[in-house]
Amino acid sequence: MHHQKFRTRDEVKQVIFEYIEVFYNRERLHSANDYLSPKDYEELQKMA
């Protein structure tokens, strides 16, 4: 997102939404998941 130019406010909203929902929420560590990312936690649950 840095140094990126946007034409509309909706374009900015879409990029921010994608970052939060697609990248950040799937990669960040969660204390409720023993400090694993949701992706890693789901993989661990599949193996159990």
PDB file of N, CA and C in Angstrom:
ATOM      1  N   MET A   1       0.808  -1.195   0.000  1.00  0.00           N
ATOM      2  CA  MET A   1       0.000   0.000   0.000  1.00  0.00           C
ATOM      3  C   MET A   1       0.853   1.263   0.000  1.00  0.00           C
ATOM      4  N   HIS A   2       2.073   1.141   0.503  1.00  0.00           N
ATOM      5  CA  HIS A   2       2.932   2.316   0.567  1.00  0.00           C
ATOM      6  C   HIS A   2       3.265   2.821  -0.830  1.00  0.00           C
ATOM      7  N   HIS A   3       3.210   4.099  -0.994  1.00  0.00           N
ATOM      8  CA  HIS A   3       3.564   4.776  -2.242  1.00  0.00           C
ATOM      9  C   HIS A   3       2.668   4.350  -3.402  1.00  0.00           C
ATOM     10  N   GLN A   4       1.487   3.900  -3.083  1.00  0.00           N
ATOM     11  CA  GLN A   4       0.547   3.501  -4.111  1.00  0.00           C
ATOM     12  C   GLN A   4      -0.464   4.629  -4.294  1.00  0.00           C
ATOM     13  N   LYS A   5      -0.814   4.920  -5.517  1.00  0.00           N
ATOM     14  CA  LYS A   5      -1.795   5.974  -5.770  1.00  0.00           C
ATOM     15  C   LYS A   5      -3.127   5.320  -6.118  1.00  0.00           C
ATOM     16  N   PHE A   6      -4.180   5.859  -5.539  1.00  0.00           N
ATOM     17  CA  PHE A   6      -5.512   5.325  -5.745  1.00  0.00           C
ATOM     18  C   PHE A   6      -6.368   6.358  -6.446  1.00  0.00           C
ATOM     19  N   ARG A   7      -7.247   5.867  -7.289  1.00  0.00           N
ATOM     20  CA  ARG A   7      -8.121   6.771  -8.028  1.00  0.00           C
ATOM     21  C   ARG A   7      -9.379   7.128  -7.242  1.00  0.00           C
ATOM     22  N   THR A   8      -9.871   6.179  -6.461  1.00  0.00           N
ATOM     23  CA  THR A   8     -11.115   6.430  -5.734  1.00  0.00           C
ATOM     24  C   THR A   8     -10.991   5.964  -4.284  1.00  0.00           C
ATOM     25  N   ARG A   9     -11.899   6.437  -3.472  1.00  0.00           N
ATOM     26  CA  ARG A   9     -11.965   6.022  -2.077  1.00  0.00           C
ATOM     27  C   ARG A   9     -12.338   4.539  -1.989  1.00  0.00           C
ATOM     28  N   ASP A  10     -13.204   4.080  -2.875  1.00  0.00           N
ATOM     29  CA  ASP A  10     -13.594   2.663  -2.891  1.00  0.00           C
ATOM     30  C   ASP A  10     -12.410   1.757  -3.197  1.00  0.00           C
ATOM     31  N   GLU A  11     -11.534   2.194  -4.048  1.00  0.00           N
ATOM     32  CA  GLU A  11     -10.329   1.428  -4.362  1.00  0.00           C
ATOM     33  C   GLU A  11      -9.447   1.289  -3.120  1.00  0.00           C
ATOM     34  N   VAL A  12      -9.317   2.346  -2.356  1.00  0.00           N
ATOM     35  CA  VAL A  12      -8.545   2.318  -1.112  1.00  0.00           C
ATOM     36  C   VAL A  12      -9.196   1.355  -0.123  1.00  0.00           C
ATOM     37  N   LYS A  13     -10.509   1.446   0.029  1.00  0.00           N
ATOM     38  CA  LYS A  13     -11.233   0.558   0.944  1.00  0.00           C
ATOM     39  C   LYS A  13     -11.019  -0.900   0.581  1.00  0.00           C
ATOM     40  N   GLN A  14     -11.046  -1.216  -0.708  1.00  0.00           N
ATOM     41  CA  GLN A  14     -10.873  -2.593  -1.168  1.00  0.00           C
ATOM     42  C   GLN A  14      -9.467  -3.105  -0.851  1.00  0.00           C
ATOM     43  N   VAL A  15      -8.473  -2.294  -1.069  1.00  0.00           N
ATOM     44  CA  VAL A  15      -7.096  -2.698  -0.790  1.00  0.00           C
ATOM     45  C   VAL A  15      -6.894  -2.919   0.710  1.00  0.00           C
ATOM     46  N   ILE A  16      -7.438  -2.042   1.521  1.00  0.00           N
ATOM     47  CA  ILE A  16      -7.316  -2.192   2.971  1.00  0.00           C
ATOM     48  C   ILE A  16      -8.056  -3.436   3.441  1.00  0.00           C
ATOM     49  N   PHE A  17      -9.257  -3.667   2.935  1.00  0.00           N
ATOM     50  CA  PHE A  17     -10.024  -4.857   3.286  1.00  0.00           C
ATOM     51  C   PHE A  17      -9.247  -6.124   2.935  1.00  0.00           C
ATOM     52  N   GLU A  18      -8.698  -6.175   1.740  1.00  0.00           N
ATOM     53  CA  GLU A  18      -7.933  -7.352   1.319  1.00  0.00           C
ATOM     54  C   GLU A  18      -6.728  -7.576   2.216  1.00  0.00           C
ATOM     55  N   TYR A  19      -6.042  -6.510   2.586  1.00  0.00           N
ATOM     56  CA  TYR A  19      -4.886  -6.656   3.465  1.00  0.00           C
ATOM     57  C   TYR A  19      -5.304  -7.234   4.809  1.00  0.00           C
ATOM     58  N   ILE A  20      -6.344  -6.673   5.397  1.00  0.00           N
ATOM     59  CA  ILE A  20      -6.767  -7.122   6.729  1.00  0.00           C
ATOM     60  C   ILE A  20      -7.334  -8.536   6.678  1.00  0.00           C
ATOM     61  N   GLU A  21      -8.262  -8.792   5.795  1.00  0.00           N
ATOM     62  CA  GLU A  21      -8.953 -10.081   5.767  1.00  0.00           C
ATOM     63  C   GLU A  21      -8.143 -11.202   5.134  1.00  0.00           C
ATOM     64  N   VAL A  22      -7.417 -10.896   4.092  1.00  0.00           N
ATOM     65  CA  VAL A  22      -6.704 -11.943   3.356  1.00  0.00           C
ATOM     66  C   VAL A  22      -5.320 -12.191   3.941  1.00  0.00           C
ATOM     67  N   PHE A  23      -4.609 -11.163   4.315  1.00  0.00           N
ATOM     68  CA  PHE A  23      -3.247 -11.356   4.802  1.00  0.00           C
ATOM     69  C   PHE A  23      -3.162 -11.295   6.322  1.00  0.00           C
ATOM     70  N   TYR A  24      -3.469 -10.161   6.898  1.00  0.00           N
ATOM     71  CA  TYR A  24      -3.194  -9.925   8.320  1.00  0.00           C
ATOM     72  C   TYR A  24      -3.912 -10.910   9.236  1.00  0.00           C
ATOM     73  N   ASN A  25      -5.203 -11.066   9.087  1.00  0.00           N
ATOM     74  CA  ASN A  25      -5.956 -11.944   9.984  1.00  0.00           C
ATOM     75  C   ASN A  25      -5.563 -13.407   9.849  1.00  0.00           C
ATOM     76  N   ARG A  26      -5.059 -13.802   8.709  1.00  0.00           N
ATOM     77  CA  ARG A  26      -4.647 -15.197   8.516  1.00  0.00           C
ATOM     78  C   ARG A  26      -3.224 -15.462   8.975  1.00  0.00           C
ATOM     79  N   GLU A  27      -2.421 -14.428   9.056  1.00  0.00           N
ATOM     80  CA  GLU A  27      -1.011 -14.592   9.397  1.00  0.00           C
ATOM     81  C   GLU A  27      -0.669 -14.224  10.837  1.00  0.00           C
ATOM     82  N   ARG A  28      -1.444 -13.323  11.430  1.00  0.00           N
ATOM     83  CA  ARG A  28      -1.083 -12.859  12.776  1.00  0.00           C
ATOM     84  C   ARG A  28      -1.292 -13.963  13.805  1.00  0.00           C
ATOM     85  N   LEU A  29      -0.535 -13.891  14.871  1.00  0.00           N
ATOM     86  CA  LEU A  29      -0.598 -14.895  15.922  1.00  0.00           C
ATOM     87  C   LEU A  29      -1.755 -14.587  16.865  1.00  0.00           C
ATOM     88  N   HIS A  30      -2.418 -15.635  17.329  1.00  0.00           N
ATOM     89  CA  HIS A  30      -3.554 -15.490  18.229  1.00  0.00           C
ATOM     90  C   HIS A  30      -3.253 -16.214  19.533  1.00  0.00           C
ATOM     91  N   SER A  31      -3.433 -15.531  20.645  1.00  0.00           N
ATOM     92  CA  SER A  31      -3.178 -16.163  21.941  1.00  0.00           C
ATOM     93  C   SER A  31      -4.161 -17.321  22.179  1.00  0.00           C
ATOM     94  N   ALA A  32      -5.354 -17.229  21.660  1.00  0.00           N
ATOM     95  CA  ALA A  32      -6.344 -18.296  21.827  1.00  0.00           C
ATOM     96  C   ALA A  32      -5.943 -19.570  21.075  1.00  0.00           C
ATOM     97  N   ASN A  33      -5.041 -19.443  20.130  1.00  0.00           N
ATOM     98  CA  ASN A  33      -4.563 -20.588  19.333  1.00  0.00           C
ATOM     99  C   ASN A  33      -3.145 -20.978  19.734  1.00  0.00           C
ATOM    100  N   ASP A  34      -2.797 -20.795  20.981  1.00  0.00           N
ATOM    101  CA  ASP A  34      -1.436 -21.073  21.450  1.00  0.00           C
ATOM    102  C   ASP A  34      -0.387 -20.313  20.637  1.00  0.00           C
ATOM    103  N   TYR A  35      -0.714 -19.088  20.295  1.00  0.00           N
ATOM    104  CA  TYR A  35       0.180 -18.192  19.552  1.00  0.00           C
ATOM    105  C   TYR A  35       0.569 -18.750  18.185  1.00  0.00           C
ATOM    106  N   LEU A  36      -0.381 -19.376  17.538  1.00  0.00           N
ATOM    107  CA  LEU A  36      -0.220 -19.819  16.158  1.00  0.00           C
ATOM    108  C   LEU A  36      -1.090 -18.938  15.275  1.00  0.00           C
ATOM    109  N   SER A  37      -0.734 -18.847  14.012  1.00  0.00           N
ATOM    110  CA  SER A  37      -1.601 -18.144  13.081  1.00  0.00           C
ATOM    111  C   SER A  37      -2.821 -19.030  12.829  1.00  0.00           C
ATOM    112  N   PRO A  38      -3.935 -18.446  12.417  1.00  0.00           N
ATOM    113  CA  PRO A  38      -5.104 -19.265  12.128  1.00  0.00           C
ATOM    114  C   PRO A  38      -4.813 -20.348  11.091  1.00  0.00           C
ATOM    115  N   LYS A  39      -4.001 -20.008  10.097  1.00  0.00           N
ATOM    116  CA  LYS A  39      -3.638 -20.971   9.059  1.00  0.00           C
ATOM    117  C   LYS A  39      -2.880 -22.153   9.661  1.00  0.00           C
ATOM    118  N   ASP A  40      -1.890 -21.875  10.510  1.00  0.00           N
ATOM    119  CA  ASP A  40      -1.114 -22.945  11.140  1.00  0.00           C
ATOM    120  C   ASP A  40      -1.965 -23.749  12.116  1.00  0.00           C
ATOM    121  N   TYR A  41      -2.842 -23.070  12.836  1.00  0.00           N
ATOM    122  CA  TYR A  41      -3.708 -23.741  13.796  1.00  0.00           C
ATOM    123  C   TYR A  41      -4.652 -24.705  13.073  1.00  0.00           C
ATOM    124  N   GLU A  42      -5.217 -24.279  11.962  1.00  0.00           N
ATOM    125  CA  GLU A  42      -6.110 -25.158  11.195  1.00  0.00           C
ATOM    126  C   GLU A  42      -5.359 -26.370  10.657  1.00  0.00           C
ATOM    127  N   GLU A  43      -4.149 -26.155  10.185  1.00  0.00           N
ATOM    128  CA  GLU A  43      -3.346 -27.276   9.698  1.00  0.00           C
ATOM    129  C   GLU A  43      -3.049 -28.270  10.816  1.00  0.00           C
ATOM    130  N   LEU A  44      -2.756 -27.758  11.990  1.00  0.00           N
ATOM    131  CA  LEU A  44      -2.473 -28.608  13.143  1.00  0.00           C
ATOM    132  C   LEU A  44      -3.718 -29.419  13.530  1.00  0.00           C
ATOM    133  N   GLN A  45      -4.883 -28.780  13.442  1.00  0.00           N
ATOM    134  CA  GLN A  45      -6.138 -29.464  13.786  1.00  0.00           C
ATOM    135  C   GLN A  45      -6.459 -30.567  12.772  1.00  0.00           C
ATOM    136  N   LYS A  46      -6.132 -30.355  11.518  1.00  0.00           N
ATOM    137  CA  LYS A  46      -6.372 -31.364  10.486  1.00  0.00           C
ATOM    138  C   LYS A  46      -5.541 -32.615  10.739  1.00  0.00           C
ATOM    139  N   MET A  47      -4.332 -32.421  11.277  1.00  0.00           N
ATOM    140  CA  MET A  47      -3.433 -33.557  11.540  1.00  0.00           C
ATOM    141  C   MET A  47      -3.818 -34.315  12.794  1.00  0.00           C
ATOM    142  N   ALA A  48      -4.561 -33.679  13.695  1.00  0.00           N
ATOM    143  CA  ALA A  48      -4.901 -34.314  14.985  1.00  0.00           C
ATOM    144  C   ALA A  48      -6.010 -35.351  14.832  1.00  0.00           C
TER     145      ALA A  48
END
